[in-house]
Every structure is written in C-alpha cells, then in structure tokens.
C-alpha cells in the first residue's frame, strides 16, 4: 500500500516502508525493531570528509566499504557499523539505506524524555513521562549532509519537510512534537545537526504541507 502526504505534486510517497522518490543504497547495518514501534524521528548532520560535501564517502560508510586510507579522517571510522534510514544531500536528493520498519543503527547511546498519551484507564489530561534509552528501537534516523556551522540549504529543508509529512501519515505515532535531534538525545557526545540548522524554518516548511 502507498501512503502520500498532502502536498499535491510536491509530495512524497512511502511504498512498502521505502520512500518512492529516494535512491536506494541498501545497508547491512540494520535489524528488526524489537517491538515494531515507529514513533519518532531523529535528525542528524554528517559530512565526509569533515566539512566537505559530495562524493560517495557517506554511502560507503553506511555500507561498510569506506577505504580507511582514502582520507586521514577515515581511519578512525571505517570499521564502524552504522547507518541511517535516509540521507538528504545538499541538493535535496534523498538516499535510503534501511526500510523504515527496520532498525537503523544511527542513535548510539542515547536517552530521551518521552511524553506520550496515557494508556487506557488513565485520565486524558495526564501524560506519561518516560526516560527511554535505545532510541534506535523506535525512531527513524535522517541524516542531513552538512555541518554544525554551515547553513543547510533550502532544498534540504523542503525535501525534509516532504519526508516528514509522509512519515507522519504512514506512521501515525510520529507527530511534529516527536521530531528531535542527535544533540538532544546524546548531549554529551553529539552536537548535530548543530546551530546552523533552522528549526523554525523547518516548522514553517512542514506547516505548508501537513
């Protein structure tokens, strides 16, 4: 079954847990979600080599084919087994590595104070607050090609908004309030997508299509 967000010709379609408009580069770094939950999104920033854009180094990292001798920065990371569901490049191109119903290895050691609607039998005005770990279990990981300091591009915000709109329709547990950052869930380890990422602008883009 296909799921499409409300953006007319500017929409994104998810078919069988794959984004139809994305180029597929399948990563082996994925496994089953332990509870089948898909309820939040984590945004990341990445550039390889650091501060450089373009090329295939990110794709090679996520497919375990990065040459450790290809750049001085690669030696320390080539043996990592990591992935994300999606990469959004500087021109807005989407590359999907893992289907959304599988667990991508993007968040690492992470914690998040999850606020969700209470279970049946509790007052609707109450909310559950639960400190959750292992965010790979229930999140979609989206990498934006960029750095903490260099502004992200218009095409990336537009592509990201379309993807988020499609995800929220396909997986109703995801809402705009359940979109977070790598920096927020791992503040002692990570800073991405960094101060260069304009959250207010993303919300405006998202409001236009949902």
N, C-alpha and C. Protein backbone atom coordinates (compact mmCIF):
# COMPACT_ATOMS: atom_id res chain seq x y z
N UNK A 1 0.84 -1.19 0.00
CA UNK A 1 0.00 0.00 0.00
C UNK A 1 0.87 1.24 0.00
N UNK A 2 0.42 2.26 -0.71
CA UNK A 2 1.17 3.51 -0.79
C UNK A 2 0.54 4.56 0.12
N UNK A 3 1.39 5.38 0.71
CA UNK A 3 0.95 6.46 1.58
C UNK A 3 1.55 7.75 1.07
N UNK A 4 0.69 8.78 0.91
CA UNK A 4 1.15 10.04 0.32
C UNK A 4 0.74 11.19 1.22
N UNK A 5 1.65 12.14 1.40
CA UNK A 5 1.30 13.30 2.22
C UNK A 5 0.52 14.31 1.40
N UNK A 6 -0.04 15.30 2.08
CA UNK A 6 -0.96 16.23 1.42
C UNK A 6 -0.21 17.39 0.81
N UNK A 7 0.58 17.12 -0.19
CA UNK A 7 1.34 18.19 -0.80
C UNK A 7 1.17 18.28 -2.29
N UNK A 8 0.14 17.59 -2.84
CA UNK A 8 -0.08 17.64 -4.27
C UNK A 8 1.14 17.12 -5.02
N UNK A 9 1.57 17.88 -6.02
CA UNK A 9 2.73 17.46 -6.80
C UNK A 9 4.03 17.58 -6.04
N UNK A 10 4.00 18.20 -4.87
CA UNK A 10 5.21 18.39 -4.08
C UNK A 10 5.31 17.34 -2.98
N UNK A 11 4.65 16.21 -3.19
CA UNK A 11 4.51 15.23 -2.12
C UNK A 11 5.55 14.13 -2.21
N UNK A 12 5.60 13.33 -1.15
CA UNK A 12 6.46 12.16 -1.08
C UNK A 12 5.58 10.95 -0.84
N UNK A 13 5.98 9.82 -1.37
CA UNK A 13 5.19 8.60 -1.26
C UNK A 13 6.02 7.52 -0.59
N UNK A 14 5.44 6.84 0.39
CA UNK A 14 6.08 5.69 1.04
C UNK A 14 5.36 4.44 0.58
N UNK A 15 6.09 3.52 0.02
CA UNK A 15 5.54 2.29 -0.54
C UNK A 15 6.35 1.13 0.04
N UNK A 16 5.67 0.30 0.85
CA UNK A 16 6.37 -0.83 1.45
C UNK A 16 7.52 -0.44 2.34
N UNK A 17 7.38 0.66 3.08
CA UNK A 17 8.39 1.19 4.01
C UNK A 17 9.60 1.79 3.30
N UNK A 18 9.48 2.05 2.01
CA UNK A 18 10.52 2.73 1.25
C UNK A 18 9.96 4.04 0.70
N UNK A 19 10.78 5.08 0.70
CA UNK A 19 10.40 6.35 0.10
C UNK A 19 10.54 6.22 -1.41
N UNK A 20 9.43 6.39 -2.12
CA UNK A 20 9.44 6.13 -3.55
C UNK A 20 10.41 6.99 -4.33
N UNK A 21 10.61 8.24 -3.89
CA UNK A 21 11.48 9.16 -4.62
C UNK A 21 12.95 9.02 -4.27
N UNK A 22 13.26 8.17 -3.30
CA UNK A 22 14.65 8.05 -2.84
C UNK A 22 15.42 7.05 -3.68
N UNK A 23 16.69 7.33 -3.85
CA UNK A 23 17.60 6.35 -4.44
C UNK A 23 17.96 5.33 -3.35
N UNK A 24 17.90 4.06 -3.67
CA UNK A 24 18.15 3.03 -2.67
C UNK A 24 19.60 2.56 -2.71
N UNK A 25 20.23 2.59 -1.55
CA UNK A 25 21.56 2.02 -1.36
C UNK A 25 21.45 1.20 -0.07
N UNK A 26 21.25 -0.08 -0.19
CA UNK A 26 20.91 -0.90 0.97
C UNK A 26 22.11 -1.10 1.89
N UNK A 27 21.90 -0.83 3.17
CA UNK A 27 22.94 -1.01 4.18
C UNK A 27 22.72 -2.32 4.92
N UNK A 28 23.80 -3.04 5.21
CA UNK A 28 23.68 -4.25 6.03
C UNK A 28 23.55 -3.92 7.52
N UNK A 29 23.72 -2.67 7.88
CA UNK A 29 23.74 -2.29 9.29
C UNK A 29 22.33 -1.95 9.76
N UNK A 30 21.54 -2.99 9.92
CA UNK A 30 20.15 -2.85 10.34
C UNK A 30 19.67 -4.18 10.88
N UNK A 31 18.61 -4.14 11.68
CA UNK A 31 17.99 -5.37 12.17
C UNK A 31 16.53 -5.08 12.52
N UNK A 32 15.86 -6.07 13.09
CA UNK A 32 14.45 -5.93 13.38
C UNK A 32 14.23 -5.00 14.57
N UNK A 33 13.17 -4.22 14.51
CA UNK A 33 12.78 -3.42 15.67
C UNK A 33 12.18 -4.38 16.71
N UNK A 34 12.63 -4.32 17.96
CA UNK A 34 12.20 -5.32 18.95
C UNK A 34 10.70 -5.31 19.23
N UNK A 35 10.06 -4.14 19.13
CA UNK A 35 8.62 -4.08 19.41
C UNK A 35 7.83 -3.60 18.20
N UNK A 36 8.50 -3.38 17.08
CA UNK A 36 7.81 -2.91 15.89
C UNK A 36 7.34 -1.47 15.96
N UNK A 37 7.79 -0.73 16.96
CA UNK A 37 7.33 0.65 17.15
C UNK A 37 8.09 1.61 16.24
N UNK A 38 7.35 2.52 15.59
CA UNK A 38 7.93 3.60 14.80
C UNK A 38 7.21 4.86 15.22
N UNK A 39 7.82 5.64 16.10
CA UNK A 39 7.05 6.72 16.74
C UNK A 39 7.78 8.05 16.85
N UNK A 40 9.00 8.18 16.33
CA UNK A 40 9.73 9.44 16.45
C UNK A 40 10.79 9.51 15.36
N UNK A 41 11.35 10.70 15.18
CA UNK A 41 12.39 10.94 14.17
C UNK A 41 13.56 11.64 14.84
N UNK A 42 14.77 11.19 14.51
CA UNK A 42 15.99 11.84 14.98
C UNK A 42 16.71 12.43 13.77
N UNK A 43 17.01 13.73 13.83
CA UNK A 43 17.74 14.41 12.76
C UNK A 43 19.22 14.50 13.10
N UNK A 44 20.05 14.20 12.12
CA UNK A 44 21.50 14.22 12.26
C UNK A 44 22.10 15.13 11.19
N UNK A 45 23.36 15.45 11.37
CA UNK A 45 24.15 16.12 10.34
C UNK A 45 25.42 15.34 10.10
N UNK A 46 25.85 15.25 8.84
CA UNK A 46 27.05 14.48 8.52
C UNK A 46 27.72 15.05 7.28
N UNK A 47 29.05 15.03 7.28
CA UNK A 47 29.83 15.36 6.09
C UNK A 47 31.10 14.52 6.13
N UNK A 48 31.44 13.95 4.99
CA UNK A 48 32.65 13.13 4.86
C UNK A 48 33.32 13.41 3.53
N UNK A 49 34.63 13.76 3.60
CA UNK A 49 35.41 14.11 4.78
C UNK A 49 34.77 15.30 5.52
N UNK A 50 35.12 15.50 6.77
CA UNK A 50 34.51 16.56 7.56
C UNK A 50 34.60 17.92 6.87
N UNK A 51 33.46 18.57 6.73
CA UNK A 51 33.41 19.89 6.11
C UNK A 51 33.38 19.87 4.60
N UNK A 52 33.39 18.69 3.99
CA UNK A 52 33.33 18.58 2.54
C UNK A 52 32.03 17.90 2.13
N UNK A 53 31.48 18.33 0.98
CA UNK A 53 30.21 17.81 0.52
C UNK A 53 30.36 17.14 -0.83
N UNK A 54 29.45 16.23 -1.13
CA UNK A 54 29.51 15.49 -2.37
C UNK A 54 30.33 14.22 -2.21
N UNK A 55 30.46 13.47 -3.28
CA UNK A 55 31.22 12.23 -3.21
C UNK A 55 30.41 11.11 -2.59
N UNK A 56 31.04 9.95 -2.48
CA UNK A 56 30.31 8.76 -2.03
C UNK A 56 30.75 8.26 -0.66
N UNK A 57 31.48 9.07 0.08
CA UNK A 57 32.04 8.59 1.35
C UNK A 57 30.95 8.24 2.36
N UNK A 58 29.88 9.03 2.42
CA UNK A 58 28.81 8.73 3.38
C UNK A 58 28.16 7.40 3.04
N UNK A 59 27.88 7.21 1.75
CA UNK A 59 27.28 5.95 1.33
C UNK A 59 28.21 4.78 1.61
N UNK A 60 29.49 4.98 1.41
CA UNK A 60 30.44 3.92 1.69
C UNK A 60 30.52 3.62 3.19
N UNK A 61 30.43 4.65 4.03
CA UNK A 61 30.43 4.42 5.48
C UNK A 61 29.25 3.55 5.88
N UNK A 62 28.08 3.85 5.34
CA UNK A 62 26.87 3.13 5.73
C UNK A 62 26.77 1.74 5.09
N UNK A 63 27.64 1.45 4.14
CA UNK A 63 27.64 0.12 3.51
C UNK A 63 28.92 -0.65 3.80
N UNK A 64 29.72 -0.16 4.76
CA UNK A 64 30.94 -0.85 5.22
C UNK A 64 31.99 -1.00 4.13
N UNK A 65 32.03 -0.03 3.21
CA UNK A 65 33.01 -0.09 2.13
C UNK A 65 33.92 1.15 2.10
N UNK A 66 33.96 1.90 3.20
CA UNK A 66 34.80 3.10 3.25
C UNK A 66 36.27 2.71 3.35
N UNK A 67 37.10 3.26 2.48
CA UNK A 67 38.53 2.98 2.47
C UNK A 67 39.21 3.74 3.60
N UNK A 68 39.79 3.05 4.58
CA UNK A 68 40.42 3.75 5.70
C UNK A 68 41.61 4.60 5.27
N UNK A 69 42.18 4.32 4.11
CA UNK A 69 43.31 5.09 3.61
C UNK A 69 42.90 6.19 2.64
N UNK A 70 41.59 6.34 2.43
CA UNK A 70 41.12 7.32 1.46
C UNK A 70 41.23 8.75 1.93
N UNK A 71 41.30 8.96 3.23
CA UNK A 71 41.42 10.30 3.82
C UNK A 71 41.87 10.11 5.26
N UNK A 72 42.66 11.03 5.81
CA UNK A 72 43.11 10.87 7.21
C UNK A 72 41.96 10.69 8.20
N UNK A 73 40.81 11.27 7.91
CA UNK A 73 39.68 11.17 8.83
C UNK A 73 38.98 9.83 8.77
N UNK A 74 39.25 9.04 7.73
CA UNK A 74 38.51 7.80 7.55
C UNK A 74 39.04 6.65 8.40
N UNK A 75 40.30 6.71 8.79
CA UNK A 75 40.91 5.58 9.50
C UNK A 75 40.17 5.25 10.80
N UNK A 76 39.70 6.27 11.49
CA UNK A 76 39.06 6.05 12.78
C UNK A 76 37.61 5.61 12.67
N UNK A 77 37.01 5.74 11.50
CA UNK A 77 35.59 5.45 11.38
C UNK A 77 35.26 4.32 10.40
N UNK A 78 36.23 3.90 9.61
CA UNK A 78 35.95 2.92 8.56
C UNK A 78 35.43 1.60 9.12
N UNK A 79 35.81 1.26 10.34
CA UNK A 79 35.38 -0.01 10.92
C UNK A 79 34.05 0.08 11.65
N UNK A 80 33.49 1.28 11.75
CA UNK A 80 32.21 1.44 12.43
C UNK A 80 31.11 0.74 11.64
N UNK A 81 30.13 0.26 12.34
CA UNK A 81 28.96 -0.35 11.70
C UNK A 81 27.75 0.53 12.04
N UNK A 82 27.50 1.49 11.18
CA UNK A 82 26.46 2.48 11.41
C UNK A 82 25.62 2.64 10.14
N UNK A 83 24.47 3.25 10.32
CA UNK A 83 23.59 3.52 9.18
C UNK A 83 22.56 4.55 9.59
N UNK A 84 21.75 4.95 8.65
CA UNK A 84 20.57 5.78 8.90
C UNK A 84 19.51 5.30 7.93
N UNK A 85 18.27 5.67 8.18
CA UNK A 85 17.24 5.33 7.21
C UNK A 85 17.41 6.16 5.94
N UNK A 86 17.64 7.46 6.11
CA UNK A 86 17.72 8.36 4.97
C UNK A 86 18.90 9.31 5.08
N UNK A 87 19.44 9.69 3.93
CA UNK A 87 20.39 10.79 3.81
C UNK A 87 19.77 11.81 2.86
N UNK A 88 19.76 13.08 3.26
CA UNK A 88 19.30 14.15 2.38
C UNK A 88 20.51 14.99 2.02
N UNK A 89 20.88 14.93 0.75
CA UNK A 89 22.08 15.61 0.27
C UNK A 89 21.82 17.11 0.09
N UNK A 90 22.88 17.85 -0.21
CA UNK A 90 22.80 19.30 -0.27
C UNK A 90 21.80 19.79 -1.32
N UNK A 91 21.61 19.01 -2.39
CA UNK A 91 20.68 19.41 -3.44
C UNK A 91 19.27 18.88 -3.21
N UNK A 92 19.04 18.25 -2.06
CA UNK A 92 17.72 17.72 -1.74
C UNK A 92 17.51 16.28 -2.14
N UNK A 93 18.49 15.65 -2.79
CA UNK A 93 18.34 14.24 -3.15
C UNK A 93 18.24 13.39 -1.88
N UNK A 94 17.32 12.44 -1.91
CA UNK A 94 17.17 11.52 -0.78
C UNK A 94 17.75 10.16 -1.15
N UNK A 95 18.55 9.62 -0.26
CA UNK A 95 19.12 8.29 -0.42
C UNK A 95 18.65 7.46 0.77
N UNK A 96 18.01 6.32 0.50
CA UNK A 96 17.52 5.49 1.60
C UNK A 96 18.37 4.23 1.72
N UNK A 97 18.78 3.95 2.95
CA UNK A 97 19.66 2.82 3.24
C UNK A 97 18.93 1.67 3.93
N UNK A 98 17.90 1.99 4.70
CA UNK A 98 17.20 0.99 5.51
C UNK A 98 15.70 1.26 5.39
N UNK A 99 14.87 0.23 5.18
CA UNK A 99 13.42 0.46 5.19
C UNK A 99 12.97 0.91 6.57
N UNK A 100 11.91 1.71 6.60
CA UNK A 100 11.51 2.34 7.85
C UNK A 100 11.05 1.35 8.92
N UNK A 101 10.61 0.17 8.51
CA UNK A 101 10.14 -0.78 9.51
C UNK A 101 11.27 -1.57 10.16
N UNK A 102 12.51 -1.35 9.71
CA UNK A 102 13.67 -1.99 10.33
C UNK A 102 14.46 -0.96 11.14
N UNK A 103 15.26 -1.45 12.04
CA UNK A 103 16.05 -0.61 12.94
C UNK A 103 17.39 -0.27 12.30
N UNK A 104 17.59 1.02 12.00
CA UNK A 104 18.89 1.50 11.53
C UNK A 104 19.74 1.84 12.75
N UNK A 105 21.05 1.80 12.57
CA UNK A 105 21.98 1.99 13.69
C UNK A 105 22.54 3.41 13.63
N UNK A 106 21.76 4.37 14.10
CA UNK A 106 22.11 5.78 13.95
C UNK A 106 22.24 6.54 15.25
N UNK A 107 21.57 6.12 16.31
CA UNK A 107 21.49 6.94 17.52
C UNK A 107 22.55 6.61 18.56
N UNK A 108 23.08 5.39 18.56
CA UNK A 108 24.07 5.03 19.56
C UNK A 108 23.51 5.12 20.98
N UNK A 109 24.39 5.41 21.92
CA UNK A 109 23.95 5.58 23.31
C UNK A 109 23.16 6.88 23.40
N UNK A 110 21.91 6.77 23.78
CA UNK A 110 21.04 7.94 23.75
C UNK A 110 19.93 7.80 24.78
N UNK A 111 19.39 8.94 25.17
CA UNK A 111 18.27 8.99 26.11
C UNK A 111 17.31 10.08 25.67
N UNK A 112 16.03 9.84 25.97
CA UNK A 112 15.01 10.82 25.58
C UNK A 112 13.87 10.76 26.57
N UNK A 113 13.47 11.93 27.08
CA UNK A 113 12.31 12.00 27.97
C UNK A 113 11.07 12.01 27.09
N UNK A 114 10.48 10.86 26.94
CA UNK A 114 9.36 10.65 26.02
C UNK A 114 8.06 11.02 26.73
N UNK A 115 7.29 11.87 26.10
CA UNK A 115 5.96 12.22 26.61
C UNK A 115 4.94 11.73 25.59
N UNK A 116 4.07 10.85 26.03
CA UNK A 116 3.09 10.28 25.12
C UNK A 116 1.74 10.20 25.80
N UNK A 117 0.70 10.01 25.04
CA UNK A 117 -0.64 9.91 25.62
C UNK A 117 -0.71 8.71 26.55
N UNK A 118 -1.49 8.82 27.65
CA UNK A 118 -1.56 7.72 28.62
C UNK A 118 -2.29 6.52 28.05
N UNK A 119 -2.04 5.39 28.67
CA UNK A 119 -2.72 4.17 28.30
C UNK A 119 -4.19 4.25 28.71
N UNK A 120 -4.98 3.32 28.21
CA UNK A 120 -6.40 3.29 28.55
C UNK A 120 -6.56 3.14 30.06
N UNK A 121 -7.60 3.78 30.58
CA UNK A 121 -7.86 3.69 32.00
C UNK A 121 -7.32 4.86 32.80
N UNK A 122 -6.48 5.72 32.14
CA UNK A 122 -5.96 6.90 32.81
C UNK A 122 -6.64 8.13 32.25
N UNK A 123 -6.64 9.18 33.03
CA UNK A 123 -7.25 10.43 32.60
C UNK A 123 -6.55 10.97 31.36
N UNK A 124 -7.32 11.49 30.42
CA UNK A 124 -6.75 12.02 29.20
C UNK A 124 -5.95 13.30 29.43
N UNK A 125 -6.13 13.93 30.60
CA UNK A 125 -5.38 15.15 30.87
C UNK A 125 -4.01 14.84 31.47
N UNK A 126 -3.80 13.57 31.78
CA UNK A 126 -2.49 13.14 32.28
C UNK A 126 -1.62 12.72 31.09
N UNK A 127 -0.33 12.84 31.27
CA UNK A 127 0.60 12.38 30.25
C UNK A 127 1.65 11.50 30.91
N UNK A 128 2.09 10.50 30.17
CA UNK A 128 3.18 9.67 30.65
C UNK A 128 4.50 10.34 30.31
N UNK A 129 5.40 10.35 31.25
CA UNK A 129 6.76 10.86 31.02
C UNK A 129 7.70 9.71 31.34
N UNK A 130 8.43 9.29 30.35
CA UNK A 130 9.28 8.11 30.49
C UNK A 130 10.64 8.38 29.88
N UNK A 131 11.70 8.18 30.66
CA UNK A 131 13.05 8.30 30.15
C UNK A 131 13.38 7.01 29.41
N UNK A 132 13.54 7.14 28.10
CA UNK A 132 13.78 5.96 27.27
C UNK A 132 15.20 5.96 26.75
N UNK A 133 15.75 4.77 26.64
CA UNK A 133 17.08 4.57 26.07
C UNK A 133 16.95 3.70 24.82
N UNK A 134 18.04 3.57 24.09
CA UNK A 134 18.00 2.74 22.89
C UNK A 134 17.05 3.29 21.85
N UNK A 135 17.25 4.54 21.43
CA UNK A 135 16.30 5.18 20.54
C UNK A 135 16.27 4.57 19.14
N UNK A 136 17.29 3.80 18.78
CA UNK A 136 17.22 3.09 17.50
C UNK A 136 15.98 2.21 17.42
N UNK A 137 15.51 1.73 18.58
CA UNK A 137 14.40 0.79 18.60
C UNK A 137 13.14 1.36 17.97
N UNK A 138 12.89 2.66 18.13
CA UNK A 138 11.58 3.19 17.72
C UNK A 138 11.66 4.45 16.87
N UNK A 139 12.84 4.89 16.49
CA UNK A 139 12.96 6.12 15.73
C UNK A 139 13.36 5.86 14.27
N UNK A 140 13.08 6.87 13.44
CA UNK A 140 13.60 6.95 12.09
C UNK A 140 14.78 7.91 12.12
N UNK A 141 15.92 7.49 11.60
CA UNK A 141 17.11 8.33 11.58
C UNK A 141 17.30 8.97 10.21
N UNK A 142 17.36 10.31 10.20
CA UNK A 142 17.54 11.05 8.95
C UNK A 142 18.82 11.88 9.06
N UNK A 143 19.74 11.64 8.15
CA UNK A 143 20.99 12.40 8.09
C UNK A 143 20.86 13.52 7.05
N UNK A 144 21.28 14.71 7.43
CA UNK A 144 21.36 15.84 6.51
C UNK A 144 22.83 16.08 6.19
N UNK A 145 23.16 16.15 4.91
CA UNK A 145 24.55 16.41 4.55
C UNK A 145 24.87 17.86 4.91
N UNK A 146 25.75 18.02 5.89
CA UNK A 146 26.08 19.37 6.36
C UNK A 146 26.95 19.32 7.59
N UNK A 147 27.19 20.50 8.15
CA UNK A 147 27.98 20.62 9.38
C UNK A 147 27.23 21.50 10.37
N UNK A 148 27.74 21.52 11.59
CA UNK A 148 27.11 22.34 12.62
C UNK A 148 27.12 23.83 12.29
N UNK A 149 28.12 24.27 11.53
CA UNK A 149 28.33 25.71 11.34
C UNK A 149 27.87 26.25 9.99
N UNK A 150 27.78 25.40 8.97
CA UNK A 150 27.43 25.86 7.63
C UNK A 150 25.92 25.73 7.43
N UNK A 151 25.24 26.80 7.01
CA UNK A 151 23.78 26.71 6.86
C UNK A 151 23.38 25.58 5.91
N UNK A 152 22.31 24.90 6.28
CA UNK A 152 21.74 23.91 5.40
C UNK A 152 20.99 24.61 4.27
N UNK A 153 20.72 23.89 3.21
CA UNK A 153 20.17 24.52 2.01
C UNK A 153 18.65 24.41 1.96
N UNK A 154 18.07 25.35 1.22
CA UNK A 154 16.62 25.37 1.02
C UNK A 154 16.11 24.02 0.53
N UNK A 155 16.82 23.44 -0.44
CA UNK A 155 16.38 22.16 -0.99
C UNK A 155 16.32 21.08 0.08
N UNK A 156 17.20 21.15 1.05
CA UNK A 156 17.20 20.15 2.11
C UNK A 156 16.00 20.32 3.04
N UNK A 157 15.69 21.56 3.40
CA UNK A 157 14.53 21.80 4.25
C UNK A 157 13.25 21.35 3.55
N UNK A 158 13.13 21.66 2.26
CA UNK A 158 11.93 21.28 1.53
C UNK A 158 11.81 19.77 1.41
N UNK A 159 12.91 19.11 1.10
CA UNK A 159 12.88 17.65 1.00
C UNK A 159 12.57 17.03 2.36
N UNK A 160 13.18 17.55 3.41
CA UNK A 160 12.95 17.03 4.75
C UNK A 160 11.49 17.19 5.15
N UNK A 161 10.91 18.35 4.86
CA UNK A 161 9.50 18.57 5.20
C UNK A 161 8.60 17.58 4.48
N UNK A 162 8.88 17.33 3.21
CA UNK A 162 8.06 16.37 2.46
C UNK A 162 8.19 14.97 3.06
N UNK A 163 9.41 14.59 3.41
CA UNK A 163 9.62 13.28 4.01
C UNK A 163 8.90 13.18 5.34
N UNK A 164 9.02 14.19 6.18
CA UNK A 164 8.37 14.15 7.49
C UNK A 164 6.85 14.08 7.35
N UNK A 165 6.30 14.82 6.38
CA UNK A 165 4.87 14.76 6.16
C UNK A 165 4.42 13.36 5.78
N UNK A 166 5.18 12.70 4.92
CA UNK A 166 4.86 11.34 4.52
C UNK A 166 4.99 10.37 5.69
N UNK A 167 6.03 10.55 6.50
CA UNK A 167 6.22 9.67 7.65
C UNK A 167 5.08 9.81 8.65
N UNK A 168 4.63 11.03 8.89
CA UNK A 168 3.55 11.24 9.85
C UNK A 168 2.24 10.62 9.38
N UNK A 169 2.02 10.61 8.07
CA UNK A 169 0.82 9.94 7.56
C UNK A 169 0.96 8.43 7.61
N UNK A 170 2.11 7.93 7.24
CA UNK A 170 2.28 6.47 7.19
C UNK A 170 2.36 5.86 8.58
N UNK A 171 3.00 6.56 9.51
CA UNK A 171 3.20 6.05 10.87
C UNK A 171 2.58 7.06 11.84
N UNK A 172 1.30 6.91 12.17
CA UNK A 172 0.57 7.94 12.93
C UNK A 172 1.15 8.26 14.30
N UNK A 173 1.97 7.38 14.86
CA UNK A 173 2.57 7.68 16.17
C UNK A 173 3.60 8.80 16.08
N UNK A 174 4.09 9.10 14.86
CA UNK A 174 5.02 10.21 14.67
C UNK A 174 4.21 11.49 14.53
N UNK A 175 4.61 12.51 15.26
CA UNK A 175 4.00 13.83 15.15
C UNK A 175 5.12 14.86 15.11
N UNK A 176 4.77 16.12 14.84
CA UNK A 176 5.78 17.17 14.80
C UNK A 176 6.47 17.34 16.14
N UNK A 177 5.77 17.01 17.23
CA UNK A 177 6.37 17.10 18.56
C UNK A 177 7.37 15.99 18.83
N UNK A 178 7.37 14.97 17.96
CA UNK A 178 8.25 13.82 18.16
C UNK A 178 9.36 13.79 17.13
N UNK A 179 9.81 14.99 16.74
CA UNK A 179 10.98 15.15 15.88
C UNK A 179 12.07 15.79 16.73
N UNK A 180 13.18 15.10 16.90
CA UNK A 180 14.24 15.59 17.78
C UNK A 180 15.58 15.52 17.06
N UNK A 181 16.64 15.84 17.78
CA UNK A 181 17.98 15.90 17.18
C UNK A 181 18.93 14.96 17.90
N UNK A 182 20.00 14.63 17.20
CA UNK A 182 21.06 13.82 17.80
C UNK A 182 21.64 14.53 19.02
N UNK A 183 21.80 15.85 18.93
CA UNK A 183 22.34 16.62 20.04
C UNK A 183 21.44 16.51 21.27
N UNK A 184 20.14 16.47 21.06
CA UNK A 184 19.20 16.44 22.18
C UNK A 184 19.21 15.10 22.89
N UNK A 185 19.39 14.01 22.14
CA UNK A 185 19.31 12.69 22.76
C UNK A 185 20.67 12.18 23.23
N UNK A 186 21.75 12.82 22.80
CA UNK A 186 23.10 12.43 23.24
C UNK A 186 23.93 13.69 23.46
N UNK A 187 23.53 14.56 24.39
CA UNK A 187 24.15 15.89 24.50
C UNK A 187 25.61 15.89 24.92
N UNK A 188 26.08 14.85 25.55
CA UNK A 188 27.48 14.81 25.97
C UNK A 188 28.38 14.27 24.87
N UNK A 189 27.78 13.70 23.81
CA UNK A 189 28.57 13.09 22.74
C UNK A 189 28.42 13.82 21.41
N UNK A 190 27.22 14.35 21.15
CA UNK A 190 26.90 14.84 19.81
C UNK A 190 26.37 16.26 19.84
N UNK A 191 26.58 16.96 18.73
CA UNK A 191 26.09 18.34 18.61
C UNK A 191 25.22 18.54 17.36
N UNK A 192 25.13 17.54 16.52
CA UNK A 192 24.43 17.69 15.24
C UNK A 192 22.90 17.63 15.40
N UNK A 193 22.17 18.26 14.47
CA UNK A 193 22.64 18.95 13.27
C UNK A 193 23.21 20.34 13.51
N UNK A 194 23.31 20.74 14.76
CA UNK A 194 24.07 21.94 15.11
C UNK A 194 23.29 23.24 15.03
N UNK A 195 23.92 24.33 15.47
CA UNK A 195 23.26 25.65 15.46
C UNK A 195 22.95 26.16 14.07
N UNK A 196 23.57 25.60 13.04
CA UNK A 196 23.28 26.04 11.68
C UNK A 196 21.91 25.55 11.21
N UNK A 197 21.34 24.58 11.90
CA UNK A 197 20.04 24.06 11.49
C UNK A 197 18.93 24.95 12.01
N UNK A 198 18.05 25.39 11.11
CA UNK A 198 16.99 26.35 11.43
C UNK A 198 15.69 25.59 11.71
N UNK A 199 15.43 25.33 12.99
CA UNK A 199 14.24 24.58 13.36
C UNK A 199 12.96 25.36 13.05
N UNK A 200 12.99 26.66 13.24
CA UNK A 200 11.80 27.47 12.96
C UNK A 200 11.45 27.39 11.48
N UNK A 201 12.45 27.43 10.63
CA UNK A 201 12.17 27.36 9.20
C UNK A 201 11.63 25.98 8.81
N UNK A 202 12.18 24.93 9.42
CA UNK A 202 11.64 23.60 9.15
C UNK A 202 10.17 23.53 9.53
N UNK A 203 9.80 24.10 10.67
CA UNK A 203 8.40 24.06 11.08
C UNK A 203 7.52 24.81 10.08
N UNK A 204 8.02 25.92 9.54
CA UNK A 204 7.23 26.65 8.55
C UNK A 204 7.06 25.82 7.28
N UNK A 205 8.13 25.16 6.85
CA UNK A 205 8.05 24.30 5.66
C UNK A 205 7.06 23.16 5.90
N UNK A 206 7.13 22.60 7.09
CA UNK A 206 6.25 21.47 7.40
C UNK A 206 4.79 21.92 7.47
N UNK A 207 4.56 23.11 8.01
CA UNK A 207 3.19 23.61 8.12
C UNK A 207 2.53 23.81 6.76
N UNK A 208 3.34 24.02 5.73
CA UNK A 208 2.80 24.24 4.39
C UNK A 208 2.26 22.97 3.75
N UNK A 209 2.70 21.80 4.24
CA UNK A 209 2.32 20.56 3.56
C UNK A 209 1.51 19.60 4.41
N UNK A 210 1.35 19.88 5.71
CA UNK A 210 0.58 18.95 6.54
C UNK A 210 -0.63 19.66 7.13
